[in-house]
Amino acid sequence: MCYWQVLFQYFEQHYSHPLFLFHVTIDGTPNSPSLPANKQASIDNMGYGLINKCILTWNDPDALVWPEDKLWFLLVTPTDETSGEWTTFFNGSKFKGYPTLTAWVGGSEAADAETRSDDQIANKVMNNLIAMFPTIGAPDDIVITRWGQDENVLGAHSFPVAGRDFADDASNLQQNVGNVYFAGEATSSSDWATTTGAWDTGEEAALAMAQQLTAGV
């Protein structure tokens, strides 16, 4: 469940006022009802990128055969063509409490990965891991994202485009229109393309909504 869905539920349970929180994604799809022209222009002129992850977990603590204190591993492949195909790994084991690795892929490689089956992706990821850690065993669970195919997202993050002032566009997007409030990483001028940006702007919008609801009470 996304943070903005939690906020919706909270306000539905505690308030009856007609306030709304929009989670902004920059996917180029038309909005209904129509947005003000300046907001739509900011959306149209923002870049929107794609990143996907393959998260692998092991139940047995002894399955951890990589350095536990190293957060990132990067595989250097023999050819440029394969250098971006699931070659970056984040080690979240010490945060999760059990062996965990997350493989990352972005850009055109991420789009191509979404056309592959789970088995094809898992095999590619494991082959890359074996190249670095030959004794690594098969994971007990694998979760693969395909953000480009999620009809409510159609991508993963905003990014600055040459010739545009991203901070101005993000600030423009975050401004509420009457009782309609906006949040999401694309509305953050400092933490765009991050979960932090999404969360913080969601909190800001929620607090602004709560303040309006309790004004004069």
C-alpha atoms as a PDB file:
ATOM      1  CA  MET A   1       0.000   0.000   0.000  1.00  0.00           C
ATOM      2  CA  CYS A   2       1.361   3.446  -0.944  1.00  0.00           C
ATOM      3  CA  TYR A   3       1.735   6.250   1.572  1.00  0.00           C
ATOM      4  CA  TRP A   4      -0.952   8.316  -0.142  1.00  0.00           C
ATOM      5  CA  GLN A   5      -3.461   5.450   0.175  1.00  0.00           C
ATOM      6  CA  VAL A   6      -2.807   5.422   3.911  1.00  0.00           C
ATOM      7  CA  LEU A   7      -3.449   9.171   4.015  1.00  0.00           C
ATOM      8  CA  PHE A   8      -6.703   8.755   2.113  1.00  0.00           C
ATOM      9  CA  GLN A   9      -7.880   6.128   4.617  1.00  0.00           C
ATOM     10  CA  TYR A  10      -6.896   8.302   7.559  1.00  0.00           C
ATOM     11  CA  PHE A  11      -8.828  11.315   6.320  1.00  0.00           C
ATOM     12  CA  GLU A  12     -11.824   9.209   5.321  1.00  0.00           C
ATOM     13  CA  GLN A  13     -11.974   7.819   8.870  1.00  0.00           C
ATOM     14  CA  HIS A  14     -11.469  11.110  10.709  1.00  0.00           C
ATOM     15  CA  TYR A  15     -12.956  13.818   8.499  1.00  0.00           C
ATOM     16  CA  SER A  16     -15.945  14.290   6.248  1.00  0.00           C
ATOM     17  CA  HIS A  17     -14.693  17.385   4.401  1.00  0.00           C
ATOM     18  CA  PRO A  18     -14.178  17.182   0.609  1.00  0.00           C
ATOM     19  CA  LEU A  19     -10.367  17.364   0.514  1.00  0.00           C
ATOM     20  CA  PHE A  20      -8.213  15.402  -1.888  1.00  0.00           C
ATOM     21  CA  LEU A  21      -4.566  14.409  -2.139  1.00  0.00           C
ATOM     22  CA  PHE A  22      -3.148  13.723  -5.589  1.00  0.00           C
ATOM     23  CA  HIS A  23      -0.066  11.528  -5.907  1.00  0.00           C
ATOM     24  CA  VAL A  24       1.633  13.105  -8.900  1.00  0.00           C
ATOM     25  CA  THR A  25       3.353  10.899 -11.462  1.00  0.00           C
ATOM     26  CA  ILE A  26       4.900  12.324 -14.595  1.00  0.00           C
ATOM     27  CA  ASP A  27       3.709   9.777 -17.121  1.00  0.00           C
ATOM     28  CA  GLY A  28       2.225  12.018 -19.798  1.00  0.00           C
ATOM     29  CA  THR A  29      -1.293  10.579 -19.440  1.00  0.00           C
ATOM     30  CA  PRO A  30      -4.234  12.972 -19.413  1.00  0.00           C
ATOM     31  CA  ASN A  31      -5.731  13.921 -16.049  1.00  0.00           C
ATOM     32  CA  SER A  32      -9.429  14.029 -15.263  1.00  0.00           C
ATOM     33  CA  PRO A  33     -10.594  16.622 -14.427  1.00  0.00           C
ATOM     34  CA  SER A  34      -8.174  18.807 -16.359  1.00  0.00           C
ATOM     35  CA  LEU A  35      -5.316  20.409 -14.437  1.00  0.00           C
ATOM     36  CA  PRO A  36      -4.554  24.132 -14.614  1.00  0.00           C
ATOM     37  CA  ALA A  37      -2.441  24.919 -17.669  1.00  0.00           C
ATOM     38  CA  ASN A  38       0.671  25.842 -15.659  1.00  0.00           C
ATOM     39  CA  LYS A  39       0.635  22.523 -13.793  1.00  0.00           C
ATOM     40  CA  GLN A  40       0.121  20.561 -16.972  1.00  0.00           C
ATOM     41  CA  ALA A  41       3.035  22.423 -18.562  1.00  0.00           C
ATOM     42  CA  SER A  42       5.302  21.424 -15.666  1.00  0.00           C
ATOM     43  CA  ILE A  43       4.260  17.796 -16.040  1.00  0.00           C
ATOM     44  CA  ASP A  44       4.759  17.851 -19.800  1.00  0.00           C
ATOM     45  CA  ASN A  45       8.264  19.278 -19.454  1.00  0.00           C
ATOM     46  CA  MET A  46       9.578  16.971 -16.710  1.00  0.00           C
ATOM     47  CA  GLY A  47      11.552  13.881 -17.508  1.00  0.00           C
ATOM     48  CA  TYR A  48      10.181  10.562 -16.258  1.00  0.00           C
ATOM     49  CA  GLY A  49      12.517   7.586 -15.941  1.00  0.00           C
ATOM     50  CA  LEU A  50      12.361   3.885 -15.205  1.00  0.00           C
ATOM     51  CA  ILE A  51      14.178   1.769 -12.636  1.00  0.00           C
ATOM     52  CA  ASN A  52      13.346  -1.794 -11.682  1.00  0.00           C
ATOM     53  CA  LYS A  53      14.574  -4.110  -8.964  1.00  0.00           C
ATOM     54  CA  CYS A  54      14.980  -7.819  -8.392  1.00  0.00           C
ATOM     55  CA  ILE A  55      14.945  -8.499  -4.654  1.00  0.00           C
ATOM     56  CA  LEU A  56      16.391 -11.802  -3.462  1.00  0.00           C
ATOM     57  CA  THR A  57      16.159 -13.190   0.074  1.00  0.00           C
ATOM     58  CA  TRP A  58      17.521 -16.271   1.806  1.00  0.00           C
ATOM     59  CA  ASN A  59      16.062 -17.829   4.952  1.00  0.00           C
ATOM     60  CA  ASP A  60      19.309 -19.443   6.137  1.00  0.00           C
ATOM     61  CA  PRO A  61      21.753 -16.956   7.751  1.00  0.00           C
ATOM     62  CA  ASP A  62      24.618 -19.129   6.483  1.00  0.00           C
ATOM     63  CA  ALA A  63      23.545 -18.308   2.907  1.00  0.00           C
ATOM     64  CA  LEU A  64      25.303 -14.962   3.293  1.00  0.00           C
ATOM     65  CA  VAL A  65      28.547 -15.507   1.364  1.00  0.00           C
ATOM     66  CA  TRP A  66      29.243 -11.872   0.474  1.00  0.00           C
ATOM     67  CA  PRO A  67      30.789  -9.160   2.719  1.00  0.00           C
ATOM     68  CA  GLU A  68      28.032  -8.183   5.128  1.00  0.00           C
ATOM     69  CA  ASP A  69      29.498  -4.739   5.812  1.00  0.00           C
ATOM     70  CA  LYS A  70      29.593  -3.713   2.140  1.00  0.00           C
ATOM     71  CA  LEU A  71      26.414  -1.958   0.982  1.00  0.00           C
ATOM     72  CA  TRP A  72      26.989  -2.018  -2.778  1.00  0.00           C
ATOM     73  CA  PHE A  73      28.459  -4.484  -5.272  1.00  0.00           C
ATOM     74  CA  LEU A  74      29.045  -3.665  -8.933  1.00  0.00           C
ATOM     75  CA  LEU A  75      29.878  -6.303 -11.532  1.00  0.00           C
ATOM     76  CA  VAL A  76      32.121  -5.223 -14.395  1.00  0.00           C
ATOM     77  CA  THR A  77      31.207  -7.276 -17.459  1.00  0.00           C
ATOM     78  CA  PRO A  78      33.351  -8.011 -20.551  1.00  0.00           C
ATOM     79  CA  THR A  79      31.177  -5.904 -22.874  1.00  0.00           C
ATOM     80  CA  ASP A  80      29.519  -2.496 -22.638  1.00  0.00           C
ATOM     81  CA  GLU A  81      26.262  -4.006 -23.852  1.00  0.00           C
ATOM     82  CA  THR A  82      25.860  -6.106 -20.714  1.00  0.00           C
ATOM     83  CA  SER A  83      27.331  -3.661 -18.190  1.00  0.00           C
ATOM     84  CA  GLY A  84      23.932  -2.298 -17.188  1.00  0.00           C
ATOM     85  CA  GLU A  85      21.965  -5.550 -17.130  1.00  0.00           C
ATOM     86  CA  TRP A  86      21.375  -6.322 -13.444  1.00  0.00           C
ATOM     87  CA  THR A  87      24.994  -5.592 -12.495  1.00  0.00           C
ATOM     88  CA  THR A  88      24.375  -3.255  -9.535  1.00  0.00           C
ATOM     89  CA  PHE A  89      23.469  -4.828  -6.194  1.00  0.00           C
ATOM     90  CA  PHE A  90      22.456  -3.319  -2.859  1.00  0.00           C
ATOM     91  CA  ASN A  91      23.174  -5.392   0.234  1.00  0.00           C
ATOM     92  CA  GLY A  92      20.367  -4.839   2.737  1.00  0.00           C
ATOM     93  CA  SER A  93      21.157  -7.878   4.865  1.00  0.00           C
ATOM     94  CA  LYS A  94      22.079  -6.047   8.065  1.00  0.00           C
ATOM     95  CA  PHE A  95      18.936  -3.945   7.864  1.00  0.00           C
ATOM     96  CA  LYS A  96      16.600  -6.865   7.171  1.00  0.00           C
ATOM     97  CA  GLY A  97      18.169  -9.334   9.608  1.00  0.00           C
ATOM     98  CA  TYR A  98      18.575 -12.045   6.985  1.00  0.00           C
ATOM     99  CA  PRO A  99      20.535 -12.398   3.709  1.00  0.00           C
ATOM    100  CA  THR A 100      19.085  -9.941   1.211  1.00  0.00           C
ATOM    101  CA  LEU A 101      20.348  -8.546  -2.080  1.00  0.00           C
ATOM    102  CA  THR A 102      18.592  -6.162  -4.440  1.00  0.00           C
ATOM    103  CA  ALA A 103      19.624  -6.036  -8.086  1.00  0.00           C
ATOM    104  CA  TRP A 104      18.984  -2.757  -9.919  1.00  0.00           C
ATOM    105  CA  VAL A 105      18.441  -1.978 -13.582  1.00  0.00           C
ATOM    106  CA  GLY A 106      17.579   1.359 -15.179  1.00  0.00           C
ATOM    107  CA  GLY A 107      16.879   3.178 -18.426  1.00  0.00           C
ATOM    108  CA  SER A 108      16.501   1.171 -21.621  1.00  0.00           C
ATOM    109  CA  GLU A 109      17.720  -1.974 -19.822  1.00  0.00           C
ATOM    110  CA  ALA A 110      14.865  -1.589 -17.337  1.00  0.00           C
ATOM    111  CA  ALA A 111      12.354  -1.273 -20.165  1.00  0.00           C
ATOM    112  CA  ASP A 112      13.799  -4.342 -21.858  1.00  0.00           C
ATOM    113  CA  ALA A 113      13.677  -6.302 -18.598  1.00  0.00           C
ATOM    114  CA  GLU A 114       9.926  -5.766 -18.414  1.00  0.00           C
ATOM    115  CA  THR A 115       9.560  -7.872 -21.557  1.00  0.00           C
ATOM    116  CA  ARG A 116      11.382 -10.781 -19.897  1.00  0.00           C
ATOM    117  CA  SER A 117       9.847 -13.525 -17.762  1.00  0.00           C
ATOM    118  CA  ASP A 118      10.571 -13.848 -14.056  1.00  0.00           C
ATOM    119  CA  ASP A 119      12.686 -16.933 -14.745  1.00  0.00           C
ATOM    120  CA  GLN A 120      14.742 -15.117 -17.377  1.00  0.00           C
ATOM    121  CA  ILE A 121      15.424 -12.224 -15.037  1.00  0.00           C
ATOM    122  CA  ALA A 122      16.207 -14.500 -12.090  1.00  0.00           C
ATOM    123  CA  ASN A 123      18.667 -16.499 -14.190  1.00  0.00           C
ATOM    124  CA  LYS A 124      20.414 -13.334 -15.389  1.00  0.00           C
ATOM    125  CA  VAL A 125      20.660 -11.942 -11.867  1.00  0.00           C
ATOM    126  CA  MET A 126      21.945 -15.206 -10.409  1.00  0.00           C
ATOM    127  CA  ASN A 127      24.539 -15.618 -13.174  1.00  0.00           C
ATOM    128  CA  ASN A 128      25.874 -12.166 -12.351  1.00  0.00           C
ATOM    129  CA  LEU A 129      25.973 -12.956  -8.640  1.00  0.00           C
ATOM    130  CA  ILE A 130      27.746 -16.267  -9.248  1.00  0.00           C
ATOM    131  CA  ALA A 131      30.370 -14.377 -11.243  1.00  0.00           C
ATOM    132  CA  MET A 132      31.139 -12.392  -8.080  1.00  0.00           C
ATOM    133  CA  PHE A 133      30.356 -14.985  -5.397  1.00  0.00           C
ATOM    134  CA  PRO A 134      30.792 -18.501  -6.855  1.00  0.00           C
ATOM    135  CA  THR A 135      29.427 -20.291  -3.758  1.00  0.00           C
ATOM    136  CA  ILE A 136      26.170 -18.348  -3.580  1.00  0.00           C
ATOM    137  CA  GLY A 137      23.059 -20.524  -3.391  1.00  0.00           C
ATOM    138  CA  ALA A 138      19.609 -20.130  -4.899  1.00  0.00           C
ATOM    139  CA  PRO A 139      17.413 -17.620  -3.017  1.00  0.00           C
ATOM    140  CA  ASP A 140      14.276 -18.703  -1.176  1.00  0.00           C
ATOM    141  CA  ASP A 141      12.218 -15.808  -2.493  1.00  0.00           C
ATOM    142  CA  ILE A 142      12.427 -13.371  -5.409  1.00  0.00           C
ATOM    143  CA  VAL A 143      10.366 -10.233  -5.999  1.00  0.00           C
ATOM    144  CA  ILE A 144      10.659  -8.406  -9.345  1.00  0.00           C
ATOM    145  CA  THR A 145       9.237  -4.949 -10.047  1.00  0.00           C
ATOM    146  CA  ARG A 146       7.845  -3.768 -13.375  1.00  0.00           C
ATOM    147  CA  TRP A 147       6.986  -0.144 -12.657  1.00  0.00           C
ATOM    148  CA  GLY A 148       6.602   0.707 -16.318  1.00  0.00           C
ATOM    149  CA  GLN A 149       3.644  -1.682 -16.553  1.00  0.00           C
ATOM    150  CA  ASP A 150       1.837  -0.383 -13.462  1.00  0.00           C
ATOM    151  CA  GLU A 151      -1.140   1.528 -14.839  1.00  0.00           C
ATOM    152  CA  ASN A 152      -1.102   3.926 -11.878  1.00  0.00           C
ATOM    153  CA  VAL A 153       2.607   4.757 -12.169  1.00  0.00           C
ATOM    154  CA  LEU A 154       4.022   3.955 -15.640  1.00  0.00           C
ATOM    155  CA  GLY A 155       7.569   4.647 -14.497  1.00  0.00           C
ATOM    156  CA  ALA A 156       9.700   5.187 -11.431  1.00  0.00           C
ATOM    157  CA  HIS A 157      10.993   8.725 -10.994  1.00  0.00           C
ATOM    158  CA  SER A 158      11.167  12.245 -12.360  1.00  0.00           C
ATOM    159  CA  PHE A 159      14.401  13.829 -13.561  1.00  0.00           C
ATOM    160  CA  PRO A 160      15.554  17.295 -14.695  1.00  0.00           C
ATOM    161  CA  VAL A 161      15.402  18.105 -18.391  1.00  0.00           C
ATOM    162  CA  ALA A 162      17.894  20.444 -20.063  1.00  0.00           C
ATOM    163  CA  GLY A 163      16.506  23.931 -20.451  1.00  0.00           C
ATOM    164  CA  ARG A 164      13.980  23.595 -17.613  1.00  0.00           C
ATOM    165  CA  ASP A 165      14.231  24.733 -13.980  1.00  0.00           C
ATOM    166  CA  PHE A 166      13.245  21.548 -12.153  1.00  0.00           C
ATOM    167  CA  ALA A 167      12.862  23.275  -8.791  1.00  0.00           C
ATOM    168  CA  ASP A 168      10.344  25.722 -10.290  1.00  0.00           C
ATOM    169  CA  ASP A 169       8.379  22.924 -11.949  1.00  0.00           C
ATOM    170  CA  ALA A 170       8.347  20.839  -8.761  1.00  0.00           C
ATOM    171  CA  SER A 171       7.223  23.813  -6.679  1.00  0.00           C
ATOM    172  CA  ASN A 172       4.504  24.561  -9.210  1.00  0.00           C
ATOM    173  CA  LEU A 173       3.279  20.980  -9.058  1.00  0.00           C
ATOM    174  CA  GLN A 174       3.120  20.957  -5.265  1.00  0.00           C
ATOM    175  CA  GLN A 175       0.806  23.972  -4.982  1.00  0.00           C
ATOM    176  CA  ASN A 176      -2.744  22.985  -4.078  1.00  0.00           C
ATOM    177  CA  VAL A 177      -5.696  24.003  -6.230  1.00  0.00           C
ATOM    178  CA  GLY A 178      -8.543  24.765  -3.874  1.00  0.00           C
ATOM    179  CA  ASN A 179      -9.234  21.601  -1.909  1.00  0.00           C
ATOM    180  CA  VAL A 180      -7.037  19.488  -4.165  1.00  0.00           C
ATOM    181  CA  TYR A 181      -3.572  18.790  -2.716  1.00  0.00           C
ATOM    182  CA  PHE A 182      -0.548  17.371  -4.547  1.00  0.00           C
ATOM    183  CA  ALA A 183       2.299  15.148  -3.349  1.00  0.00           C
ATOM    184  CA  GLY A 184       4.911  12.792  -4.735  1.00  0.00           C
ATOM    185  CA  GLU A 185       8.641  12.806  -5.440  1.00  0.00           C
ATOM    186  CA  ALA A 186       8.080  14.897  -8.568  1.00  0.00           C
ATOM    187  CA  THR A 187       6.772  17.712  -6.342  1.00  0.00           C
ATOM    188  CA  SER A 188       9.987  17.806  -4.277  1.00  0.00           C
ATOM    189  CA  SER A 189      12.576  20.338  -5.412  1.00  0.00           C
ATOM    190  CA  SER A 190      15.311  18.828  -3.204  1.00  0.00           C
ATOM    191  CA  ASP A 191      14.594  15.075  -2.977  1.00  0.00           C
ATOM    192  CA  TRP A 192      13.075  14.265  -6.357  1.00  0.00           C
ATOM    193  CA  ALA A 193      13.446  10.684  -7.604  1.00  0.00           C
ATOM    194  CA  THR A 194      13.569   9.379  -4.021  1.00  0.00           C
ATOM    195  CA  THR A 195      11.225   7.730  -1.540  1.00  0.00           C
ATOM    196  CA  THR A 196      12.210  10.484   0.887  1.00  0.00           C
ATOM    197  CA  GLY A 197      10.842  13.097  -1.487  1.00  0.00           C
ATOM    198  CA  ALA A 198       7.601  11.181  -1.904  1.00  0.00           C
ATOM    199  CA  TRP A 199       7.152  10.676   1.829  1.00  0.00           C
ATOM    200  CA  ASP A 200       8.056  14.216   2.891  1.00  0.00           C
ATOM    201  CA  THR A 201       5.761  15.880   0.363  1.00  0.00           C
ATOM    202  CA  GLY A 202       3.003  13.496   1.409  1.00  0.00           C
ATOM    203  CA  GLU A 203       3.451  14.555   5.026  1.00  0.00           C
ATOM    204  CA  GLU A 204       3.466  18.211   4.070  1.00  0.00           C
ATOM    205  CA  ALA A 205       0.238  17.831   2.125  1.00  0.00           C
ATOM    206  CA  ALA A 206      -1.378  15.833   4.926  1.00  0.00           C
ATOM    207  CA  LEU A 207      -0.459  18.449   7.531  1.00  0.00           C
ATOM    208  CA  ALA A 208      -1.773  21.243   5.315  1.00  0.00           C
ATOM    209  CA  MET A 209      -5.033  19.341   4.870  1.00  0.00           C
ATOM    210  CA  ALA A 210      -5.331  18.723   8.614  1.00  0.00           C
ATOM    211  CA  GLN A 211      -4.661  22.386   9.322  1.00  0.00           C
ATOM    212  CA  GLN A 212      -7.425  23.455   6.947  1.00  0.00           C
ATOM    213  CA  LEU A 213      -9.825  20.921   8.406  1.00  0.00           C
ATOM    214  CA  THR A 214      -9.210  22.041  11.980  1.00  0.00           C
ATOM    215  CA  ALA A 215      -9.138  25.780  11.264  1.00  0.00           C
ATOM    216  CA  GLY A 216     -11.580  27.554  13.545  1.00  0.00           C
ATOM    217  CA  VAL A 217     -12.307  24.397  15.587  1.00  0.00           C
END
